[in-house]
C-alpha atoms as a PDB file:
ATOM      1  CA  MET A   1      24.748 -91.889  64.865  1.00  0.00           C
ATOM      2  CA  LYS A   2      23.209 -92.252  68.281  1.00  0.00           C
ATOM      3  CA  LYS A   3      19.503 -91.738  68.877  1.00  0.00           C
ATOM      4  CA  LEU A   4      18.562 -88.228  70.001  1.00  0.00           C
ATOM      5  CA  SER A   5      15.324 -86.604  71.079  1.00  0.00           C
ATOM      6  CA  GLY A   6      14.043 -83.392  69.531  1.00  0.00           C
ATOM      7  CA  LYS A   7      14.898 -81.521  72.714  1.00  0.00           C
ATOM      8  CA  ASP A   8      18.504 -82.832  72.552  1.00  0.00           C
ATOM      9  CA  VAL A   9      18.837 -81.676  68.944  1.00  0.00           C
ATOM     10  CA  CYS A  10      17.541 -78.201  69.839  1.00  0.00           C
ATOM     11  CA  LEU A  11      20.144 -77.951  72.627  1.00  0.00           C
ATOM     12  CA  ILE A  12      22.940 -78.999  70.254  1.00  0.00           C
ATOM     13  CA  LEU A  13      21.824 -76.488  67.617  1.00  0.00           C
ATOM     14  CA  SER A  14      21.602 -73.713  70.212  1.00  0.00           C
ATOM     15  CA  LYS A  15      25.278 -74.317  71.082  1.00  0.00           C
ATOM     16  CA  PHE A  16      26.037 -73.400  67.450  1.00  0.00           C
ATOM     17  CA  VAL A  17      24.124 -70.073  67.608  1.00  0.00           C
ATOM     18  CA  PHE A  18      20.789 -71.383  66.296  1.00  0.00           C
ATOM     19  CA  VAL A  19      17.769 -69.796  67.969  1.00  0.00           C
ATOM     20  CA  SER A  20      14.188 -70.975  68.191  1.00  0.00           C
ATOM     21  CA  VAL A  21      12.046 -68.572  66.168  1.00  0.00           C
ATOM     22  CA  ARG A  22       8.655 -70.288  66.336  1.00  0.00           C
ATOM     23  CA  GLN A  23       6.832 -73.525  67.006  1.00  0.00           C
ATOM     24  CA  LYS A  24       3.895 -75.048  65.174  1.00  0.00           C
ATOM     25  CA  GLY A  25       2.530 -78.203  66.714  1.00  0.00           C
ATOM     26  CA  SER A  26       5.352 -80.594  67.517  1.00  0.00           C
ATOM     27  CA  HIS A  27       7.937 -78.868  65.311  1.00  0.00           C
ATOM     28  CA  VAL A  28      10.339 -76.140  66.432  1.00  0.00           C
ATOM     29  CA  ILE A  29      11.881 -73.919  63.761  1.00  0.00           C
ATOM     30  CA  MET A  30      15.519 -73.090  64.534  1.00  0.00           C
ATOM     31  CA  GLN A  31      17.381 -70.356  62.637  1.00  0.00           C
ATOM     32  CA  LYS A  32      20.935 -69.084  62.357  1.00  0.00           C
ATOM     33  CA  THR A  33      21.671 -65.812  60.581  1.00  0.00           C
ATOM     34  CA  THR A  34      25.016 -65.417  58.841  1.00  0.00           C
ATOM     35  CA  GLU A  35      26.413 -62.536  56.822  1.00  0.00           C
ATOM     36  CA  LEU A  36      25.089 -63.924  53.544  1.00  0.00           C
ATOM     37  CA  THR A  37      22.066 -66.040  54.427  1.00  0.00           C
ATOM     38  CA  THR A  38      19.721 -67.416  57.055  1.00  0.00           C
ATOM     39  CA  ILE A  39      19.798 -71.151  57.771  1.00  0.00           C
ATOM     40  CA  THR A  40      16.423 -72.564  58.815  1.00  0.00           C
ATOM     41  CA  VAL A  41      16.084 -76.055  60.310  1.00  0.00           C
ATOM     42  CA  PRO A  42      12.775 -77.625  61.421  1.00  0.00           C
ATOM     43  CA  VAL A  43      13.148 -79.996  64.392  1.00  0.00           C
ATOM     44  CA  PRO A  44      10.387 -82.413  65.424  1.00  0.00           C
ATOM     45  CA  LEU A  45      10.005 -82.606  69.192  1.00  0.00           C
ATOM     46  CA  HIS A  46       9.715 -86.394  69.290  1.00  0.00           C
ATOM     47  CA  LYS A  47      11.128 -88.646  72.008  1.00  0.00           C
ATOM     48  CA  GLU A  48      13.385 -90.270  69.421  1.00  0.00           C
ATOM     49  CA  ILE A  49      14.159 -88.748  66.019  1.00  0.00           C
ATOM     50  CA  LYS A  50      14.482 -91.255  63.177  1.00  0.00           C
ATOM     51  CA  THR A  51      17.902 -91.697  61.600  1.00  0.00           C
ATOM     52  CA  GLY A  52      16.909 -90.260  58.211  1.00  0.00           C
ATOM     53  CA  THR A  53      15.370 -87.195  59.820  1.00  0.00           C
ATOM     54  CA  LEU A  54      18.479 -86.648  61.931  1.00  0.00           C
ATOM     55  CA  HIS A  55      20.710 -86.902  58.852  1.00  0.00           C
ATOM     56  CA  SER A  56      18.510 -84.311  57.146  1.00  0.00           C
ATOM     57  CA  ILE A  57      18.824 -81.961  60.134  1.00  0.00           C
ATOM     58  CA  VAL A  58      22.623 -82.353  60.064  1.00  0.00           C
ATOM     59  CA  ARG A  59      22.723 -81.615  56.320  1.00  0.00           C
ATOM     60  CA  GLN A  60      20.410 -78.584  56.553  1.00  0.00           C
ATOM     61  CA  SER A  61      22.250 -77.105  59.524  1.00  0.00           C
ATOM     62  CA  GLY A  62      25.646 -77.251  57.812  1.00  0.00           C
ATOM     63  CA  LEU A  63      27.181 -78.945  60.850  1.00  0.00           C
ATOM     64  CA  THR A  64      29.017 -82.267  60.927  1.00  0.00           C
ATOM     65  CA  LYS A  65      27.895 -85.617  62.337  1.00  0.00           C
ATOM     66  CA  PRO A  66      30.448 -85.508  65.197  1.00  0.00           C
ATOM     67  CA  ASP A  67      28.843 -82.240  66.363  1.00  0.00           C
ATOM     68  CA  PHE A  68      25.725 -84.286  67.173  1.00  0.00           C
ATOM     69  CA  GLU A  69      27.504 -87.040  69.115  1.00  0.00           C
END
């Protein structure tokens, strides 16, 4: 996966109907409400998100890796 900033990840998530619900410090909380559940994904607003953190965001969001490339 390519390196992304926190701002880039928020833009990608917003394309998939995630909305920013709050921010605490350097972390933005993005949420997507579906018929059955609400998916919550914290995103650190760093210049470059580490690979493991990005993989965790992909897993939590329910999206695929190509969606982030």
